[in-house]
Amino acid sequence: MQYGVTGDNIAFQNLISGIKTAISGDAANNTQTLQQAFQMVTDAVDGLATVRAEVNSNMASLNSVNEQHQNLRLYWKEAISIETDTDIAEASILVAANQTLLQASFQTFASLSRLRLTDYLN
């Protein structure tokens, strides 16, 4: 994406040339030169409308990209917050509870794996 508009744009050149031609045509009282200046200024106005449309399009694209960056910034800020703002006491309690559940499931599995069909038949 090309950013910005520079003074070497043909629309600006036509506008400046048209104004200069209009000044010299007025000084010489030459209607043909004034008509030429009018045509140059008309072309410049059309060109400036195109330049303005391009600038507006670029601004819309930049605003869209900026919004996406803001959303990503908020996402990563929340992700970092989740990782760094851990409550140590709460995490310790959760680990202890999960450890207790794991030990209970291991003990249950160990006692079930010792059972034999003959234990049920007796």
PDB file of N, CA and C in Angstrom:
ATOM      1  N   MET A   1       0.850  -1.166   0.000  1.00  0.00           N
ATOM      2  CA  MET A   1       0.000   0.000   0.000  1.00  0.00           C
ATOM      3  C   MET A   1       0.900   1.236   0.000  1.00  0.00           C
ATOM      4  N   GLN A   2       0.614   2.119  -0.935  1.00  0.00           N
ATOM      5  CA  GLN A   2       1.374   3.355  -0.985  1.00  0.00           C
ATOM      6  C   GLN A   2       0.748   4.320   0.012  1.00  0.00           C
ATOM      7  N   TYR A   3       1.578   4.882   0.855  1.00  0.00           N
ATOM      8  CA  TYR A   3       1.088   5.756   1.918  1.00  0.00           C
ATOM      9  C   TYR A   3       1.360   7.205   1.560  1.00  0.00           C
ATOM     10  N   GLY A   4       0.345   8.027   1.677  1.00  0.00           N
ATOM     11  CA  GLY A   4       0.509   9.461   1.479  1.00  0.00           C
ATOM     12  C   GLY A   4       0.391   9.872   0.034  1.00  0.00           C
ATOM     13  N   VAL A   5       0.237  11.175  -0.156  1.00  0.00           N
ATOM     14  CA  VAL A   5       0.139  11.761  -1.483  1.00  0.00           C
ATOM     15  C   VAL A   5       1.237  12.804  -1.582  1.00  0.00           C
ATOM     16  N   THR A   6       1.968  12.769  -2.671  1.00  0.00           N
ATOM     17  CA  THR A   6       3.066  13.714  -2.834  1.00  0.00           C
ATOM     18  C   THR A   6       2.695  14.786  -3.856  1.00  0.00           C
ATOM     19  N   GLY A   7       3.433  15.862  -3.858  1.00  0.00           N
ATOM     20  CA  GLY A   7       3.162  16.988  -4.737  1.00  0.00           C
ATOM     21  C   GLY A   7       3.462  16.712  -6.195  1.00  0.00           C
ATOM     22  N   ASP A   8       4.142  15.601  -6.512  1.00  0.00           N
ATOM     23  CA  ASP A   8       4.433  15.312  -7.910  1.00  0.00           C
ATOM     24  C   ASP A   8       3.281  14.583  -8.605  1.00  0.00           C
ATOM     25  N   ASN A   9       2.154  14.446  -7.929  1.00  0.00           N
ATOM     26  CA  ASN A   9       0.972  13.835  -8.527  1.00  0.00           C
ATOM     27  C   ASN A   9       0.494  14.720  -9.674  1.00  0.00           C
ATOM     28  N   ILE A  10       0.072  14.091 -10.754  1.00  0.00           N
ATOM     29  CA  ILE A  10      -0.326  14.821 -11.966  1.00  0.00           C
ATOM     30  C   ILE A  10      -1.508  15.758 -11.699  1.00  0.00           C
ATOM     31  N   ALA A  11      -2.376  15.404 -10.755  1.00  0.00           N
ATOM     32  CA  ALA A  11      -3.516  16.273 -10.449  1.00  0.00           C
ATOM     33  C   ALA A  11      -3.049  17.602  -9.869  1.00  0.00           C
ATOM     34  N   PHE A  12      -2.067  17.565  -8.999  1.00  0.00           N
ATOM     35  CA  PHE A  12      -1.523  18.797  -8.432  1.00  0.00           C
ATOM     36  C   PHE A  12      -0.789  19.613  -9.507  1.00  0.00           C
ATOM     37  N   GLN A  13      -0.070  18.919 -10.376  1.00  0.00           N
ATOM     38  CA  GLN A  13       0.640  19.599 -11.458  1.00  0.00           C
ATOM     39  C   GLN A  13      -0.349  20.310 -12.382  1.00  0.00           C
ATOM     40  N   ASN A  14      -1.443  19.617 -12.710  1.00  0.00           N
ATOM     41  CA  ASN A  14      -2.459  20.241 -13.566  1.00  0.00           C
ATOM     42  C   ASN A  14      -3.084  21.454 -12.888  1.00  0.00           C
ATOM     43  N   LEU A  15      -3.333  21.364 -11.596  1.00  0.00           N
ATOM     44  CA  LEU A  15      -3.944  22.470 -10.875  1.00  0.00           C
ATOM     45  C   LEU A  15      -3.022  23.689 -10.862  1.00  0.00           C
ATOM     46  N   ILE A  16      -1.778  23.479 -10.529  1.00  0.00           N
ATOM     47  CA  ILE A  16      -0.821  24.592 -10.473  1.00  0.00           C
ATOM     48  C   ILE A  16      -0.603  25.182 -11.866  1.00  0.00           C
ATOM     49  N   SER A  17      -0.465  24.306 -12.868  1.00  0.00           N
ATOM     50  CA  SER A  17      -0.295  24.801 -14.236  1.00  0.00           C
ATOM     51  C   SER A  17      -1.530  25.550 -14.706  1.00  0.00           C
ATOM     52  N   GLY A  18      -2.701  25.037 -14.367  1.00  0.00           N
ATOM     53  CA  GLY A  18      -3.942  25.707 -14.759  1.00  0.00           C
ATOM     54  C   GLY A  18      -4.067  27.078 -14.139  1.00  0.00           C
ATOM     55  N   ILE A  19      -3.691  27.200 -12.873  1.00  0.00           N
ATOM     56  CA  ILE A  19      -3.760  28.503 -12.200  1.00  0.00           C
ATOM     57  C   ILE A  19      -2.761  29.475 -12.848  1.00  0.00           C
ATOM     58  N   LYS A  20      -1.551  28.991 -13.124  1.00  0.00           N
ATOM     59  CA  LYS A  20      -0.536  29.845 -13.746  1.00  0.00           C
ATOM     60  C   LYS A  20      -0.962  30.256 -15.147  1.00  0.00           C
ATOM     61  N   THR A  21      -1.542  29.315 -15.885  1.00  0.00           N
ATOM     62  CA  THR A  21      -2.024  29.632 -17.229  1.00  0.00           C
ATOM     63  C   THR A  21      -3.172  30.632 -17.166  1.00  0.00           C
ATOM     64  N   ALA A  22      -4.050  30.487 -16.175  1.00  0.00           N
ATOM     65  CA  ALA A  22      -5.177  31.419 -16.021  1.00  0.00           C
ATOM     66  C   ALA A  22      -4.658  32.830 -15.709  1.00  0.00           C
ATOM     67  N   ILE A  23      -3.635  32.941 -14.893  1.00  0.00           N
ATOM     68  CA  ILE A  23      -3.062  34.257 -14.557  1.00  0.00           C
ATOM     69  C   ILE A  23      -2.470  34.915 -15.800  1.00  0.00           C
ATOM     70  N   SER A  24      -1.707  34.116 -16.558  1.00  0.00           N
ATOM     71  CA  SER A  24      -1.099  34.699 -17.771  1.00  0.00           C
ATOM     72  C   SER A  24      -2.156  34.989 -18.834  1.00  0.00           C
ATOM     73  N   GLY A  25      -3.193  34.158 -18.944  1.00  0.00           N
ATOM     74  CA  GLY A  25      -4.274  34.427 -19.904  1.00  0.00           C
ATOM     75  C   GLY A  25      -5.068  35.659 -19.522  1.00  0.00           C
ATOM     76  N   ASP A  26      -5.265  35.869 -18.225  1.00  0.00           N
ATOM     77  CA  ASP A  26      -5.982  37.063 -17.772  1.00  0.00           C
ATOM     78  C   ASP A  26      -5.156  38.315 -18.025  1.00  0.00           C
ATOM     79  N   ALA A  27      -3.844  38.221 -17.781  1.00  0.00           N
ATOM     80  CA  ALA A  27      -2.975  39.385 -17.999  1.00  0.00           C
ATOM     81  C   ALA A  27      -2.937  39.766 -19.475  1.00  0.00           C
ATOM     82  N   ALA A  28      -2.957  38.759 -20.354  1.00  0.00           N
ATOM     83  CA  ALA A  28      -2.911  39.018 -21.790  1.00  0.00           C
ATOM     84  C   ALA A  28      -4.300  39.206 -22.377  1.00  0.00           C
ATOM     85  N   ASN A  29      -5.353  39.008 -21.580  1.00  0.00           N
ATOM     86  CA  ASN A  29      -6.748  39.098 -22.018  1.00  0.00           C
ATOM     87  C   ASN A  29      -6.990  38.158 -23.201  1.00  0.00           C
ATOM     88  N   ASN A  30      -6.492  36.915 -23.059  1.00  0.00           N
ATOM     89  CA  ASN A  30      -6.573  35.916 -24.122  1.00  0.00           C
ATOM     90  C   ASN A  30      -7.591  34.853 -23.700  1.00  0.00           C
ATOM     91  N   THR A  31      -8.714  34.782 -24.388  1.00  0.00           N
ATOM     92  CA  THR A  31      -9.769  33.828 -24.021  1.00  0.00           C
ATOM     93  C   THR A  31      -9.367  32.399 -24.314  1.00  0.00           C
ATOM     94  N   GLN A  32      -8.571  32.192 -25.351  1.00  0.00           N
ATOM     95  CA  GLN A  32      -8.127  30.826 -25.673  1.00  0.00           C
ATOM     96  C   GLN A  32      -7.244  30.284 -24.548  1.00  0.00           C
ATOM     97  N   THR A  33      -6.362  31.091 -24.014  1.00  0.00           N
ATOM     98  CA  THR A  33      -5.502  30.677 -22.902  1.00  0.00           C
ATOM     99  C   THR A  33      -6.342  30.436 -21.654  1.00  0.00           C
ATOM    100  N   LEU A  34      -7.357  31.278 -21.435  1.00  0.00           N
ATOM    101  CA  LEU A  34      -8.246  31.076 -20.287  1.00  0.00           C
ATOM    102  C   LEU A  34      -9.044  29.779 -20.410  1.00  0.00           C
ATOM    103  N   GLN A  35      -9.479  29.451 -21.642  1.00  0.00           N
ATOM    104  CA  GLN A  35     -10.190  28.174 -21.853  1.00  0.00           C
ATOM    105  C   GLN A  35      -9.257  26.995 -21.604  1.00  0.00           C
ATOM    106  N   GLN A  36      -8.011  27.124 -22.030  1.00  0.00           N
ATOM    107  CA  GLN A  36      -7.020  26.073 -21.776  1.00  0.00           C
ATOM    108  C   GLN A  36      -6.796  25.925 -20.271  1.00  0.00           C
ATOM    109  N   ALA A  37      -6.718  27.034 -19.553  1.00  0.00           N
ATOM    110  CA  ALA A  37      -6.533  27.007 -18.097  1.00  0.00           C
ATOM    111  C   ALA A  37      -7.742  26.353 -17.425  1.00  0.00           C
ATOM    112  N   PHE A  38      -8.938  26.678 -17.914  1.00  0.00           N
ATOM    113  CA  PHE A  38     -10.152  26.085 -17.358  1.00  0.00           C
ATOM    114  C   PHE A  38     -10.136  24.566 -17.535  1.00  0.00           C
ATOM    115  N   GLN A  39      -9.724  24.112 -18.713  1.00  0.00           N
ATOM    116  CA  GLN A  39      -9.655  22.664 -18.963  1.00  0.00           C
ATOM    117  C   GLN A  39      -8.625  21.998 -18.044  1.00  0.00           C
ATOM    118  N   MET A  40      -7.511  22.662 -17.838  1.00  0.00           N
ATOM    119  CA  MET A  40      -6.475  22.099 -16.954  1.00  0.00           C
ATOM    120  C   MET A  40      -6.984  22.008 -15.516  1.00  0.00           C
ATOM    121  N   VAL A  41      -7.672  23.032 -15.049  1.00  0.00           N
ATOM    122  CA  VAL A  41      -8.209  23.014 -13.687  1.00  0.00           C
ATOM    123  C   VAL A  41      -9.303  21.960 -13.569  1.00  0.00           C
ATOM    124  N   THR A  42     -10.136  21.803 -14.598  1.00  0.00           N
ATOM    125  CA  THR A  42     -11.179  20.764 -14.589  1.00  0.00           C
ATOM    126  C   THR A  42     -10.552  19.372 -14.509  1.00  0.00           C
ATOM    127  N   ASP A  43      -9.498  19.139 -15.294  1.00  0.00           N
ATOM    128  CA  ASP A  43      -8.785  17.858 -15.220  1.00  0.00           C
ATOM    129  C   ASP A  43      -8.171  17.648 -13.834  1.00  0.00           C
ATOM    130  N   ALA A  44      -7.658  18.734 -13.256  1.00  0.00           N
ATOM    131  CA  ALA A  44      -7.054  18.636 -11.920  1.00  0.00           C
ATOM    132  C   ALA A  44      -8.100  18.272 -10.882  1.00  0.00           C
ATOM    133  N   VAL A  45      -9.292  18.863 -10.978  1.00  0.00           N
ATOM    134  CA  VAL A  45     -10.358  18.553 -10.020  1.00  0.00           C
ATOM    135  C   VAL A  45     -10.745  17.080 -10.125  1.00  0.00           C
ATOM    136  N   ASP A  46     -10.849  16.559 -11.352  1.00  0.00           N
ATOM    137  CA  ASP A  46     -11.155  15.132 -11.528  1.00  0.00           C
ATOM    138  C   ASP A  46     -10.044  14.259 -10.949  1.00  0.00           C
ATOM    139  N   GLY A  47      -8.795  14.667 -11.202  1.00  0.00           N
ATOM    140  CA  GLY A  47      -7.661  13.916 -10.667  1.00  0.00           C
ATOM    141  C   GLY A  47      -7.612  13.958  -9.146  1.00  0.00           C
ATOM    142  N   LEU A  48      -7.943  15.106  -8.583  1.00  0.00           N
ATOM    143  CA  LEU A  48      -7.944  15.229  -7.117  1.00  0.00           C
ATOM    144  C   LEU A  48      -9.047  14.366  -6.496  1.00  0.00           C
ATOM    145  N   ALA A  49     -10.167  14.205  -7.198  1.00  0.00           N
ATOM    146  CA  ALA A  49     -11.220  13.319  -6.699  1.00  0.00           C
ATOM    147  C   ALA A  49     -10.718  11.877  -6.657  1.00  0.00           C
ATOM    148  N   THR A  50      -9.948  11.492  -7.665  1.00  0.00           N
ATOM    149  CA  THR A  50      -9.368  10.145  -7.682  1.00  0.00           C
ATOM    150  C   THR A  50      -8.359   9.978  -6.552  1.00  0.00           C
ATOM    151  N   VAL A  51      -7.528  10.995  -6.352  1.00  0.00           N
ATOM    152  CA  VAL A  51      -6.539  10.951  -5.263  1.00  0.00           C
ATOM    153  C   VAL A  51      -7.253  10.834  -3.922  1.00  0.00           C
ATOM    154  N   ARG A  52      -8.309  11.602  -3.757  1.00  0.00           N
ATOM    155  CA  ARG A  52      -9.069  11.555  -2.502  1.00  0.00           C
ATOM    156  C   ARG A  52      -9.677  10.178  -2.280  1.00  0.00           C
ATOM    157  N   ALA A  53     -10.208   9.565  -3.337  1.00  0.00           N
ATOM    158  CA  ALA A  53     -10.782   8.218  -3.214  1.00  0.00           C
ATOM    159  C   ALA A  53      -9.708   7.207  -2.804  1.00  0.00           C
ATOM    160  N   GLU A  54      -8.518   7.329  -3.382  1.00  0.00           N
ATOM    161  CA  GLU A  54      -7.422   6.422  -3.029  1.00  0.00           C
ATOM    162  C   GLU A  54      -7.017   6.603  -1.568  1.00  0.00           C
ATOM    163  N   VAL A  55      -6.943   7.848  -1.133  1.00  0.00           N
ATOM    164  CA  VAL A  55      -6.572   8.127   0.256  1.00  0.00           C
ATOM    165  C   VAL A  55      -7.635   7.558   1.202  1.00  0.00           C
ATOM    166  N   ASN A  56      -8.913   7.751   0.872  1.00  0.00           N
ATOM    167  CA  ASN A  56      -9.986   7.203   1.707  1.00  0.00           C
ATOM    168  C   ASN A  56      -9.940   5.684   1.758  1.00  0.00           C
ATOM    169  N   SER A  57      -9.645   5.063   0.618  1.00  0.00           N
ATOM    170  CA  SER A  57      -9.530   3.602   0.585  1.00  0.00           C
ATOM    171  C   SER A  57      -8.370   3.134   1.459  1.00  0.00           C
ATOM    172  N   ASN A  58      -7.238   3.821   1.365  1.00  0.00           N
ATOM    173  CA  ASN A  58      -6.079   3.469   2.196  1.00  0.00           C
ATOM    174  C   ASN A  58      -6.378   3.674   3.676  1.00  0.00           C
ATOM    175  N   MET A  59      -7.106   4.742   3.996  1.00  0.00           N
ATOM    176  CA  MET A  59      -7.466   4.983   5.391  1.00  0.00           C
ATOM    177  C   MET A  59      -8.363   3.873   5.922  1.00  0.00           C
ATOM    178  N   ALA A  60      -9.311   3.413   5.102  1.00  0.00           N
ATOM    179  CA  ALA A  60     -10.195   2.325   5.531  1.00  0.00           C
ATOM    180  C   ALA A  60      -9.390   1.051   5.762  1.00  0.00           C
ATOM    181  N   SER A  61      -8.449   0.772   4.866  1.00  0.00           N
ATOM    182  CA  SER A  61      -7.601  -0.416   5.032  1.00  0.00           C
ATOM    183  C   SER A  61      -6.757  -0.313   6.297  1.00  0.00           C
ATOM    184  N   LEU A  62      -6.175   0.848   6.531  1.00  0.00           N
ATOM    185  CA  LEU A  62      -5.356   1.043   7.729  1.00  0.00           C
ATOM    186  C   LEU A  62      -6.193   0.938   8.999  1.00  0.00           C
ATOM    187  N   ASN A  63      -7.408   1.470   8.961  1.00  0.00           N
ATOM    188  CA  ASN A  63      -8.290   1.352  10.130  1.00  0.00           C
ATOM    189  C   ASN A  63      -8.641  -0.101  10.408  1.00  0.00           C
ATOM    190  N   SER A  64      -8.863  -0.870   9.351  1.00  0.00           N
ATOM    191  CA  SER A  64      -9.171  -2.293   9.518  1.00  0.00           C
ATOM    192  C   SER A  64      -7.980  -3.043  10.129  1.00  0.00           C
ATOM    193  N   VAL A  65      -6.795  -2.785   9.615  1.00  0.00           N
ATOM    194  CA  VAL A  65      -5.587  -3.425  10.146  1.00  0.00           C
ATOM    195  C   VAL A  65      -5.356  -2.993  11.592  1.00  0.00           C
ATOM    196  N   ASN A  66      -5.584  -1.712  11.876  1.00  0.00           N
ATOM    197  CA  ASN A  66      -5.415  -1.211  13.238  1.00  0.00           C
ATOM    198  C   ASN A  66      -6.390  -1.898  14.195  1.00  0.00           C
ATOM    199  N   GLU A  67      -7.619  -2.085  13.759  1.00  0.00           N
ATOM    200  CA  GLU A  67      -8.607  -2.772  14.601  1.00  0.00           C
ATOM    201  C   GLU A  67      -8.195  -4.226  14.862  1.00  0.00           C
ATOM    202  N   GLN A  68      -7.684  -4.891  13.829  1.00  0.00           N
ATOM    203  CA  GLN A  68      -7.213  -6.266  14.012  1.00  0.00           C
ATOM    204  C   GLN A  68      -6.053  -6.307  15.000  1.00  0.00           C
ATOM    205  N   HIS A  69      -5.153  -5.339  14.907  1.00  0.00           N
ATOM    206  CA  HIS A  69      -4.016  -5.295  15.838  1.00  0.00           C
ATOM    207  C   HIS A  69      -4.494  -5.034  17.265  1.00  0.00           C
ATOM    208  N   GLN A  70      -5.489  -4.173  17.426  1.00  0.00           N
ATOM    209  CA  GLN A  70      -6.025  -3.910  18.765  1.00  0.00           C
ATOM    210  C   GLN A  70      -6.650  -5.176  19.344  1.00  0.00           C
ATOM    211  N   ASN A  71      -7.388  -5.925  18.513  1.00  0.00           N
ATOM    212  CA  ASN A  71      -7.994  -7.176  18.977  1.00  0.00           C
ATOM    213  C   ASN A  71      -6.930  -8.184  19.384  1.00  0.00           C
ATOM    214  N   LEU A  72      -5.871  -8.300  18.574  1.00  0.00           N
ATOM    215  CA  LEU A  72      -4.780  -9.213  18.918  1.00  0.00           C
ATOM    216  C   LEU A  72      -4.066  -8.755  20.188  1.00  0.00           C
ATOM    217  N   ARG A  73      -3.903  -7.459  20.331  1.00  0.00           N
ATOM    218  CA  ARG A  73      -3.261  -6.925  21.535  1.00  0.00           C
ATOM    219  C   ARG A  73      -4.056  -7.298  22.782  1.00  0.00           C
ATOM    220  N   LEU A  74      -5.375  -7.137  22.712  1.00  0.00           N
ATOM    221  CA  LEU A  74      -6.217  -7.502  23.850  1.00  0.00           C
ATOM    222  C   LEU A  74      -6.166  -9.002  24.118  1.00  0.00           C
ATOM    223  N   TYR A  75      -6.167  -9.804  23.049  1.00  0.00           N
ATOM    224  CA  TYR A  75      -6.100 -11.259  23.206  1.00  0.00           C
ATOM    225  C   TYR A  75      -4.823 -11.659  23.923  1.00  0.00           C
ATOM    226  N   TRP A  76      -3.686 -11.140  23.445  1.00  0.00           N
ATOM    227  CA  TRP A  76      -2.402 -11.518  24.051  1.00  0.00           C
ATOM    228  C   TRP A  76      -2.262 -10.964  25.458  1.00  0.00           C
ATOM    229  N   LYS A  77      -2.806  -9.787  25.704  1.00  0.00           N
ATOM    230  CA  LYS A  77      -2.759  -9.230  27.050  1.00  0.00           C
ATOM    231  C   LYS A  77      -3.532 -10.118  28.010  1.00  0.00           C
ATOM    232  N   GLU A  78      -4.690 -10.619  27.567  1.00  0.00           N
ATOM    233  CA  GLU A  78      -5.473 -11.517  28.415  1.00  0.00           C
ATOM    234  C   GLU A  78      -4.758 -12.850  28.608  1.00  0.00           C
ATOM    235  N   ALA A  79      -4.151 -13.362  27.528  1.00  0.00           N
ATOM    236  CA  ALA A  79      -3.421 -14.630  27.642  1.00  0.00           C
ATOM    237  C   ALA A  79      -2.254 -14.511  28.620  1.00  0.00           C
ATOM    238  N   ILE A  80      -1.530 -13.421  28.546  1.00  0.00           N
ATOM    239  CA  ILE A  80      -0.411 -13.210  29.475  1.00  0.00           C
ATOM    240  C   ILE A  80      -0.929 -13.049  30.893  1.00  0.00           C
ATOM    241  N   SER A  81      -2.032 -12.343  31.040  1.00  0.00           N
ATOM    242  CA  SER A  81      -2.618 -12.137  32.361  1.00  0.00           C
ATOM    243  C   SER A  81      -3.018 -13.461  32.992  1.00  0.00           C
ATOM    244  N   ILE A  82      -3.600 -14.338  32.202  1.00  0.00           N
ATOM    245  CA  ILE A  82      -4.008 -15.655  32.713  1.00  0.00           C
ATOM    246  C   ILE A  82      -2.788 -16.433  33.202  1.00  0.00           C
ATOM    247  N   GLU A  83      -1.699 -16.344  32.448  1.00  0.00           N
ATOM    248  CA  GLU A  83      -0.491 -17.092  32.800  1.00  0.00           C
ATOM    249  C   GLU A  83       0.252 -16.490  33.985  1.00  0.00           C
ATOM    250  N   THR A  84       0.260 -15.187  34.116  1.00  0.00           N
ATOM    251  CA  THR A  84       1.083 -14.561  35.147  1.00  0.00           C
ATOM    252  C   THR A  84       0.331 -14.219  36.423  1.00  0.00           C
ATOM    253  N   ASP A  85      -0.975 -14.140  36.364  1.00  0.00           N
ATOM    254  CA  ASP A  85      -1.756 -13.752  37.539  1.00  0.00           C
ATOM    255  C   ASP A  85      -2.365 -14.951  38.260  1.00  0.00           C
ATOM    256  N   THR A  86      -1.626 -16.043  38.350  1.00  0.00           N
ATOM    257  CA  THR A  86      -2.112 -17.246  39.010  1.00  0.00           C
ATOM    258  C   THR A  86      -2.080 -17.052  40.520  1.00  0.00           C
ATOM    259  N   ASP A  87      -3.192 -17.418  41.155  1.00  0.00           N
ATOM    260  CA  ASP A  87      -3.271 -17.369  42.615  1.00  0.00           C
ATOM    261  C   ASP A  87      -2.605 -18.639  43.147  1.00  0.00           C
ATOM    262  N   ILE A  88      -1.474 -18.492  43.823  1.00  0.00           N
ATOM    263  CA  ILE A  88      -0.673 -19.630  44.273  1.00  0.00           C
ATOM    264  C   ILE A  88      -1.453 -20.501  45.242  1.00  0.00           C
ATOM    265  N   ALA A  89      -2.180 -19.910  46.179  1.00  0.00           N
ATOM    266  CA  ALA A  89      -2.937 -20.697  47.157  1.00  0.00           C
ATOM    267  C   ALA A  89      -4.016 -21.521  46.457  1.00  0.00           C
ATOM    268  N   GLU A  90      -4.735 -20.900  45.540  1.00  0.00           N
ATOM    269  CA  GLU A  90      -5.794 -21.612  44.817  1.00  0.00           C
ATOM    270  C   GLU A  90      -5.205 -22.729  43.960  1.00  0.00           C
ATOM    271  N   ALA A  91      -4.081 -22.454  43.309  1.00  0.00           N
ATOM    272  CA  ALA A  91      -3.432 -23.469  42.487  1.00  0.00           C
ATOM    273  C   ALA A  91      -2.941 -24.630  43.349  1.00  0.00           C
ATOM    274  N   SER A  92      -2.419 -24.358  44.540  1.00  0.00           N
ATOM    275  CA  SER A  92      -1.948 -25.412  45.437  1.00  0.00           C
ATOM    276  C   SER A  92      -3.101 -26.299  45.890  1.00  0.00           C
ATOM    277  N   ILE A  93      -4.230 -25.689  46.212  1.00  0.00           N
ATOM    278  CA  ILE A  93      -5.409 -26.465  46.624  1.00  0.00           C
ATOM    279  C   ILE A  93      -5.889 -27.336  45.477  1.00  0.00           C
ATOM    280  N   LEU A  94      -5.913 -26.778  44.258  1.00  0.00           N
ATOM    281  CA  LEU A  94      -6.353 -27.543  43.096  1.00  0.00           C
ATOM    282  C   LEU A  94      -5.408 -28.710  42.812  1.00  0.00           C
ATOM    283  N   VAL A  95      -4.104 -28.486  42.941  1.00  0.00           N
ATOM    284  CA  VAL A  95      -3.130 -29.566  42.730  1.00  0.00           C
ATOM    285  C   VAL A  95      -3.309 -30.653  43.782  1.00  0.00           C
ATOM    286  N   ALA A  96      -3.508 -30.281  45.039  1.00  0.00           N
ATOM    287  CA  ALA A  96      -3.694 -31.270  46.109  1.00  0.00           C
ATOM    288  C   ALA A  96      -4.960 -32.092  45.874  1.00  0.00           C
ATOM    289  N   ALA A  97      -6.045 -31.430  45.469  1.00  0.00           N
ATOM    290  CA  ALA A  97      -7.298 -32.156  45.198  1.00  0.00           C
ATOM    291  C   ALA A  97      -7.124 -33.116  44.040  1.00  0.00           C
ATOM    292  N   ASN A  98      -6.458 -32.668  42.977  1.00  0.00           N
ATOM    293  CA  ASN A  98      -6.220 -33.549  41.826  1.00  0.00           C
ATOM    294  C   ASN A  98      -5.302 -34.705  42.184  1.00  0.00           C
ATOM    295  N   GLN A  99      -4.322 -34.451  43.059  1.00  0.00           N
ATOM    296  CA  GLN A  99      -3.420 -35.516  43.499  1.00  0.00           C
ATOM    297  C   GLN A  99      -4.185 -36.560  44.307  1.00  0.00           C
ATOM    298  N   THR A 100      -5.092 -36.108  45.158  1.00  0.00           N
ATOM    299  CA  THR A 100      -5.912 -37.033  45.950  1.00  0.00           C
ATOM    300  C   THR A 100      -6.778 -37.898  45.036  1.00  0.00           C
ATOM    301  N   LEU A 101      -7.396 -37.282  44.049  1.00  0.00           N
ATOM    302  CA  LEU A 101      -8.221 -38.041  43.094  1.00  0.00           C
ATOM    303  C   LEU A 101      -7.390 -39.055  42.320  1.00  0.00           C
ATOM    304  N   LEU A 102      -6.190 -38.658  41.920  1.00  0.00           N
ATOM    305  CA  LEU A 102      -5.320 -39.560  41.177  1.00  0.00           C
ATOM    306  C   LEU A 102      -4.891 -40.750  42.042  1.00  0.00           C
ATOM    307  N   GLN A 103      -4.533 -40.485  43.280  1.00  0.00           N
ATOM    308  CA  GLN A 103      -4.139 -41.576  44.186  1.00  0.00           C
ATOM    309  C   GLN A 103      -5.317 -42.515  44.425  1.00  0.00           C
ATOM    310  N   ALA A 104      -6.519 -41.990  44.593  1.00  0.00           N
ATOM    311  CA  ALA A 104      -7.690 -42.834  44.813  1.00  0.00           C
ATOM    312  C   ALA A 104      -7.960 -43.699  43.596  1.00  0.00           C
ATOM    313  N   SER A 105      -7.817 -43.126  42.403  1.00  0.00           N
ATOM    314  CA  SER A 105      -8.054 -43.928  41.200  1.00  0.00           C
ATOM    315  C   SER A 105      -6.978 -45.001  41.034  1.00  0.00           C
ATOM    316  N   PHE A 106      -5.720 -44.703  41.391  1.00  0.00           N
ATOM    317  CA  PHE A 106      -4.664 -45.726  41.347  1.00  0.00           C
ATOM    318  C   PHE A 106      -4.956 -46.862  42.334  1.00  0.00           C
ATOM    319  N   GLN A 107      -5.389 -46.523  43.539  1.00  0.00           N
ATOM    320  CA  GLN A 107      -5.694 -47.552  44.534  1.00  0.00           C
ATOM    321  C   GLN A 107      -6.862 -48.417  44.076  1.00  0.00           C
ATOM    322  N   THR A 108      -7.880 -47.799  43.494  1.00  0.00           N
ATOM    323  CA  THR A 108      -9.024 -48.560  42.984  1.00  0.00           C
ATOM    324  C   THR A 108      -8.581 -49.476  41.862  1.00  0.00           C
ATOM    325  N   PHE A 109      -7.766 -48.978  40.959  1.00  0.00           N
ATOM    326  CA  PHE A 109      -7.282 -49.793  39.861  1.00  0.00           C
ATOM    327  C   PHE A 109      -6.442 -50.960  40.386  1.00  0.00           C
ATOM    328  N   ALA A 110      -5.600 -50.704  41.388  1.00  0.00           N
ATOM    329  CA  ALA A 110      -4.748 -51.754  41.948  1.00  0.00           C
ATOM    330  C   ALA A 110      -5.592 -52.841  42.605  1.00  0.00           C
ATOM    331  N   SER A 111      -6.619 -52.436  43.344  1.00  0.00           N
ATOM    332  CA  SER A 111      -7.456 -53.451  44.007  1.00  0.00           C
ATOM    333  C   SER A 111      -8.296 -54.218  42.989  1.00  0.00           C
ATOM    334  N   LEU A 112      -8.744 -53.565  41.934  1.00  0.00           N
ATOM    335  CA  LEU A 112      -9.523 -54.262  40.899  1.00  0.00           C
ATOM    336  C   LEU A 112      -8.653 -55.195  40.080  1.00  0.00           C
ATOM    337  N   SER A 113      -7.399 -54.848  39.887  1.00  0.00           N
ATOM    338  CA  SER A 113      -6.529 -55.712  39.086  1.00  0.00           C
ATOM    339  C   SER A 113      -6.123 -56.980  39.852  1.00  0.00           C
ATOM    340  N   ARG A 114      -6.259 -57.002  41.190  1.00  0.00           N
ATOM    341  CA  ARG A 114      -5.937 -58.189  41.983  1.00  0.00           C
ATOM    342  C   ARG A 114      -7.093 -59.183  42.027  1.00  0.00           C
ATOM    343  N   LEU A 115      -8.238 -58.777  41.619  1.00  0.00           N
ATOM    344  CA  LEU A 115      -9.399 -59.680  41.672  1.00  0.00           C
ATOM    345  C   LEU A 115      -9.289 -60.754  40.610  1.00  0.00           C
ATOM    346  N   ARG A 116      -9.788 -61.923  40.986  1.00  0.00           N
ATOM    347  CA  ARG A 116      -9.798 -63.081  40.068  1.00  0.00           C
ATOM    348  C   ARG A 116     -11.218 -63.601  40.010  1.00  0.00           C
ATOM    349  N   LEU A 117     -11.514 -64.314  39.002  1.00  0.00           N
ATOM    350  CA  LEU A 117     -12.834 -64.920  38.850  1.00  0.00           C
ATOM    351  C   LEU A 117     -13.103 -65.910  39.986  1.00  0.00           C
ATOM    352  N   THR A 118     -12.093 -66.548  40.459  1.00  0.00           N
ATOM    353  CA  THR A 118     -12.270 -67.509  41.546  1.00  0.00           C
ATOM    354  C   THR A 118     -12.698 -66.823  42.838  1.00  0.00           C
ATOM    355  N   ASP A 119     -12.359 -65.528  43.018  1.00  0.00           N
ATOM    356  CA  ASP A 119     -12.788 -64.788  44.201  1.00  0.00           C
ATOM    357  C   ASP A 119     -14.306 -64.641  44.227  1.00  0.00           C
ATOM    358  N   TYR A 120     -14.901 -64.556  43.104  1.00  0.00           N
ATOM    359  CA  TYR A 120     -16.365 -64.412  43.017  1.00  0.00           C
ATOM    360  C   TYR A 120     -17.064 -65.756  43.159  1.00  0.00           C
ATOM    361  N   LEU A 121     -16.429 -66.824  42.738  1.00  0.00           N
ATOM    362  CA  LEU A 121     -17.043 -68.141  42.788  1.00  0.00           C
ATOM    363  C   LEU A 121     -17.090 -68.705  44.218  1.00  0.00           C
ATOM    364  N   ASN A 122     -16.247 -68.311  45.088  1.00  0.00           N
ATOM    365  CA  ASN A 122     -16.205 -68.822  46.460  1.00  0.00           C
ATOM    366  C   ASN A 122     -17.323 -68.346  47.248  1.00  0.00           C
TER     367      ASN A 122
END
